């Protein structure tokens, strides 16, 4: 397992603290990601991956479409972004 698993576990803790349902998922192919769901609006969900940047040794959390979201050394900041995106109207 690479460093991505540890980063993803730390993100899960931060997401849980914000009231979101989150867990690390490992597919049969070995791909690992965090599945996040807003329990107040279950249609609001996202998969977050973590990977290292090829040009620098930093790790990044990435949205499901591959765009970098936040540096992995700040899981609290990443969780805040995910919580904002998955917030239901009026939350």
N, C-alpha and C. Protein backbone atom coordinates (compact mmCIF):
# COMPACT_ATOMS: atom_id res chain seq x y z
N UNK A 1 0.83 -1.18 0.00
CA UNK A 1 0.00 0.00 0.00
C UNK A 1 0.87 1.24 0.00
N UNK A 2 0.49 2.23 -0.78
CA UNK A 2 1.24 3.47 -0.84
C UNK A 2 0.78 4.43 0.24
N UNK A 3 1.36 5.60 0.21
CA UNK A 3 0.99 6.63 1.16
C UNK A 3 -0.45 7.09 0.97
N UNK A 4 -1.03 6.81 -0.19
CA UNK A 4 -2.38 7.27 -0.44
C UNK A 4 -3.37 6.73 0.58
N UNK A 5 -3.19 5.50 1.05
CA UNK A 5 -4.13 4.91 2.00
C UNK A 5 -4.16 5.69 3.31
N UNK A 6 -3.01 6.03 3.84
CA UNK A 6 -2.94 6.81 5.08
C UNK A 6 -3.57 8.18 4.92
N UNK A 7 -3.30 8.83 3.79
CA UNK A 7 -3.91 10.13 3.53
C UNK A 7 -5.43 10.00 3.46
N UNK A 8 -5.91 8.96 2.82
CA UNK A 8 -7.36 8.76 2.69
C UNK A 8 -8.01 8.48 4.04
N UNK A 9 -7.34 7.71 4.89
CA UNK A 9 -7.88 7.45 6.23
C UNK A 9 -7.99 8.73 7.04
N UNK A 10 -6.99 9.60 6.93
CA UNK A 10 -7.04 10.89 7.65
C UNK A 10 -8.18 11.76 7.12
N UNK A 11 -8.41 11.71 5.81
CA UNK A 11 -9.53 12.46 5.23
C UNK A 11 -10.86 11.93 5.75
N UNK A 12 -11.01 10.63 5.86
CA UNK A 12 -12.24 10.03 6.38
C UNK A 12 -12.53 10.56 7.78
N UNK A 13 -11.52 10.64 8.63
CA UNK A 13 -11.71 11.15 10.00
C UNK A 13 -12.23 12.58 9.97
N UNK A 14 -11.66 13.40 9.11
CA UNK A 14 -12.08 14.80 9.01
C UNK A 14 -13.50 14.92 8.45
N UNK A 15 -13.83 14.10 7.48
CA UNK A 15 -15.17 14.13 6.91
C UNK A 15 -16.21 13.66 7.92
N UNK A 16 -15.88 12.62 8.68
CA UNK A 16 -16.77 12.14 9.74
C UNK A 16 -17.05 13.24 10.76
N UNK A 17 -16.02 14.00 11.11
CA UNK A 17 -16.16 15.10 12.08
C UNK A 17 -17.10 16.19 11.57
N UNK A 18 -17.29 16.25 10.26
CA UNK A 18 -18.18 17.25 9.65
C UNK A 18 -19.57 16.68 9.37
N UNK A 19 -19.83 15.47 9.88
CA UNK A 19 -21.16 14.88 9.75
C UNK A 19 -21.43 14.16 8.43
N UNK A 20 -20.39 13.96 7.63
CA UNK A 20 -20.55 13.25 6.37
C UNK A 20 -20.24 11.77 6.57
N UNK A 21 -20.85 10.91 5.77
CA UNK A 21 -20.53 9.49 5.80
C UNK A 21 -19.38 9.26 4.84
N UNK A 22 -18.31 8.67 5.32
CA UNK A 22 -17.13 8.47 4.47
C UNK A 22 -16.46 7.15 4.84
N UNK A 23 -15.93 6.50 3.80
CA UNK A 23 -15.16 5.28 4.04
C UNK A 23 -14.18 5.08 2.90
N UNK A 24 -13.09 4.40 3.22
CA UNK A 24 -12.10 4.07 2.19
C UNK A 24 -12.58 2.82 1.47
N UNK A 25 -12.57 2.86 0.16
CA UNK A 25 -13.00 1.74 -0.68
C UNK A 25 -11.80 1.27 -1.50
N UNK A 26 -11.62 -0.03 -1.57
CA UNK A 26 -10.58 -0.61 -2.43
C UNK A 26 -11.28 -1.52 -3.44
N UNK A 27 -11.08 -1.23 -4.72
CA UNK A 27 -11.70 -2.03 -5.78
C UNK A 27 -10.89 -3.30 -6.02
N UNK A 28 -11.47 -4.22 -6.78
CA UNK A 28 -10.77 -5.46 -7.12
C UNK A 28 -9.49 -5.18 -7.90
N UNK A 29 -9.46 -4.10 -8.65
CA UNK A 29 -8.27 -3.75 -9.43
C UNK A 29 -7.18 -3.11 -8.57
N UNK A 30 -7.51 -2.82 -7.29
CA UNK A 30 -6.54 -2.22 -6.39
C UNK A 30 -6.67 -0.72 -6.24
N UNK A 31 -7.56 -0.10 -7.02
CA UNK A 31 -7.79 1.34 -6.92
C UNK A 31 -8.39 1.65 -5.55
N UNK A 32 -7.91 2.72 -4.91
CA UNK A 32 -8.37 3.09 -3.58
C UNK A 32 -8.91 4.52 -3.65
N UNK A 33 -10.06 4.74 -2.99
CA UNK A 33 -10.65 6.08 -2.95
C UNK A 33 -11.54 6.19 -1.73
N UNK A 34 -11.94 7.43 -1.42
CA UNK A 34 -12.90 7.66 -0.33
C UNK A 34 -14.26 7.94 -0.96
N UNK A 35 -15.26 7.20 -0.53
CA UNK A 35 -16.64 7.43 -0.94
C UNK A 35 -17.26 8.30 0.14
N UNK A 36 -17.77 9.46 -0.25
CA UNK A 36 -18.35 10.42 0.70
C UNK A 36 -19.80 10.66 0.33
N UNK A 37 -20.68 10.61 1.33
CA UNK A 37 -22.11 10.84 1.12
C UNK A 37 -22.62 11.80 2.18
N UNK A 38 -23.46 12.74 1.76
CA UNK A 38 -24.15 13.61 2.71
C UNK A 38 -25.36 12.82 3.22
N UNK A 39 -25.41 12.48 4.52
CA UNK A 39 -26.52 11.66 5.03
C UNK A 39 -27.86 12.38 5.00
N UNK A 40 -27.85 13.70 4.87
CA UNK A 40 -29.09 14.48 4.81
C UNK A 40 -29.63 14.61 3.39
N UNK A 41 -28.82 14.26 2.42
CA UNK A 41 -29.20 14.31 1.00
C UNK A 41 -28.33 13.28 0.28
N UNK A 42 -28.73 12.03 0.33
CA UNK A 42 -27.86 10.94 -0.12
C UNK A 42 -27.53 10.97 -1.61
N UNK A 43 -28.24 11.77 -2.38
CA UNK A 43 -27.87 11.92 -3.79
C UNK A 43 -26.62 12.78 -3.95
N UNK A 44 -26.24 13.49 -2.88
CA UNK A 44 -25.02 14.29 -2.90
C UNK A 44 -23.87 13.43 -2.42
N UNK A 45 -23.03 13.01 -3.36
CA UNK A 45 -21.94 12.09 -3.05
C UNK A 45 -20.75 12.40 -3.95
N UNK A 46 -19.59 11.96 -3.53
CA UNK A 46 -18.36 12.19 -4.30
C UNK A 46 -17.37 11.09 -3.95
N UNK A 47 -16.50 10.76 -4.91
CA UNK A 47 -15.37 9.87 -4.68
C UNK A 47 -14.11 10.71 -4.75
N UNK A 48 -13.28 10.61 -3.73
CA UNK A 48 -12.04 11.38 -3.66
C UNK A 48 -10.86 10.41 -3.70
N UNK A 49 -9.91 10.67 -4.58
CA UNK A 49 -8.70 9.87 -4.65
C UNK A 49 -7.53 10.66 -4.07
N UNK A 50 -6.41 10.00 -3.94
CA UNK A 50 -5.19 10.66 -3.50
C UNK A 50 -4.04 10.13 -4.34
N UNK A 51 -3.26 11.03 -4.90
CA UNK A 51 -2.13 10.58 -5.71
C UNK A 51 -1.00 11.59 -5.63
N UNK A 52 0.17 11.10 -5.95
CA UNK A 52 1.33 11.99 -5.93
C UNK A 52 1.42 12.71 -7.27
N UNK A 53 1.90 13.92 -7.20
CA UNK A 53 2.12 14.69 -8.43
C UNK A 53 3.40 14.19 -9.06
N UNK A 54 3.40 14.04 -10.37
CA UNK A 54 4.58 13.49 -11.04
C UNK A 54 5.77 14.45 -11.00
N UNK A 55 5.49 15.74 -11.03
CA UNK A 55 6.59 16.70 -11.09
C UNK A 55 7.15 17.07 -9.71
N UNK A 56 6.42 16.79 -8.66
CA UNK A 56 6.88 17.06 -7.28
C UNK A 56 6.47 15.89 -6.40
N UNK A 57 7.15 15.69 -5.29
CA UNK A 57 6.82 14.53 -4.44
C UNK A 57 5.63 14.75 -3.52
N UNK A 58 4.85 15.79 -3.74
CA UNK A 58 3.69 16.05 -2.89
C UNK A 58 2.52 15.14 -3.26
N UNK A 59 1.69 14.85 -2.28
CA UNK A 59 0.47 14.08 -2.49
C UNK A 59 -0.71 15.04 -2.53
N UNK A 60 -1.69 14.74 -3.36
CA UNK A 60 -2.87 15.58 -3.55
C UNK A 60 -4.14 14.76 -3.44
N UNK A 61 -5.17 15.35 -2.82
CA UNK A 61 -6.52 14.81 -2.93
C UNK A 61 -7.07 15.30 -4.25
N UNK A 62 -7.81 14.43 -4.93
CA UNK A 62 -8.35 14.78 -6.25
C UNK A 62 -9.84 14.45 -6.31
N UNK A 63 -10.57 15.28 -7.04
CA UNK A 63 -11.98 15.02 -7.30
C UNK A 63 -12.11 13.79 -8.19
N UNK A 64 -13.30 13.27 -8.29
CA UNK A 64 -13.54 12.04 -9.06
C UNK A 64 -13.17 12.19 -10.54
N UNK A 65 -13.20 13.40 -11.07
CA UNK A 65 -12.85 13.60 -12.48
C UNK A 65 -11.35 13.83 -12.68
N UNK A 66 -10.57 13.76 -11.58
CA UNK A 66 -9.12 13.82 -11.68
C UNK A 66 -8.48 15.16 -11.37
N UNK A 67 -9.27 16.19 -11.23
CA UNK A 67 -8.72 17.51 -10.92
C UNK A 67 -8.22 17.56 -9.48
N UNK A 68 -7.04 18.16 -9.29
CA UNK A 68 -6.51 18.32 -7.94
C UNK A 68 -7.44 19.21 -7.13
N UNK A 69 -7.67 18.79 -5.88
CA UNK A 69 -8.54 19.54 -4.99
C UNK A 69 -7.76 20.26 -3.90
N UNK A 70 -6.85 19.52 -3.23
CA UNK A 70 -6.18 20.06 -2.05
C UNK A 70 -4.97 19.20 -1.73
N UNK A 71 -3.93 19.83 -1.17
CA UNK A 71 -2.75 19.05 -0.77
C UNK A 71 -3.11 18.08 0.35
N UNK A 72 -2.57 16.88 0.27
CA UNK A 72 -2.93 15.81 1.21
C UNK A 72 -2.35 16.01 2.61
N UNK A 73 -1.41 16.94 2.76
CA UNK A 73 -0.89 17.19 4.11
C UNK A 73 -1.85 18.06 4.94
N UNK A 74 -3.00 18.41 4.37
CA UNK A 74 -4.02 19.20 5.06
C UNK A 74 -5.40 18.56 4.86
N UNK A 75 -5.64 17.40 5.50
CA UNK A 75 -6.93 16.73 5.31
C UNK A 75 -8.11 17.57 5.81
N UNK A 76 -7.90 18.41 6.81
CA UNK A 76 -8.99 19.26 7.31
C UNK A 76 -9.43 20.25 6.23
N UNK A 77 -8.48 20.85 5.54
CA UNK A 77 -8.82 21.78 4.46
C UNK A 77 -9.54 21.08 3.33
N UNK A 78 -9.10 19.87 3.00
CA UNK A 78 -9.76 19.10 1.94
C UNK A 78 -11.19 18.73 2.36
N UNK A 79 -11.36 18.33 3.61
CA UNK A 79 -12.69 17.96 4.10
C UNK A 79 -13.64 19.15 4.07
N UNK A 80 -13.13 20.33 4.36
CA UNK A 80 -13.95 21.54 4.30
C UNK A 80 -14.45 21.77 2.88
N UNK A 81 -13.58 21.58 1.90
CA UNK A 81 -13.98 21.75 0.50
C UNK A 81 -15.03 20.73 0.10
N UNK A 82 -14.83 19.47 0.47
CA UNK A 82 -15.79 18.43 0.12
C UNK A 82 -17.13 18.71 0.80
N UNK A 83 -17.10 19.09 2.06
CA UNK A 83 -18.34 19.39 2.79
C UNK A 83 -19.10 20.53 2.12
N UNK A 84 -18.39 21.53 1.65
CA UNK A 84 -19.03 22.67 0.97
C UNK A 84 -19.71 22.21 -0.31
N UNK A 85 -19.04 21.36 -1.08
CA UNK A 85 -19.60 20.87 -2.34
C UNK A 85 -20.81 19.97 -2.10
N UNK A 86 -20.78 19.18 -1.05
CA UNK A 86 -21.86 18.23 -0.80
C UNK A 86 -22.96 18.77 0.11
N UNK A 87 -22.88 20.04 0.47
CA UNK A 87 -23.90 20.63 1.33
C UNK A 87 -25.24 20.75 0.60
N UNK A 88 -26.30 20.35 1.27
CA UNK A 88 -27.64 20.51 0.71
C UNK A 88 -28.08 21.95 0.91
N UNK A 89 -28.97 22.40 0.07
CA UNK A 89 -29.50 23.76 0.20
C UNK A 89 -30.10 23.92 1.58
N UNK A 90 -29.72 24.97 2.28
CA UNK A 90 -30.24 25.23 3.61
C UNK A 90 -29.43 24.63 4.74
N UNK A 91 -28.40 23.85 4.42
CA UNK A 91 -27.55 23.26 5.47
C UNK A 91 -26.58 24.30 5.99
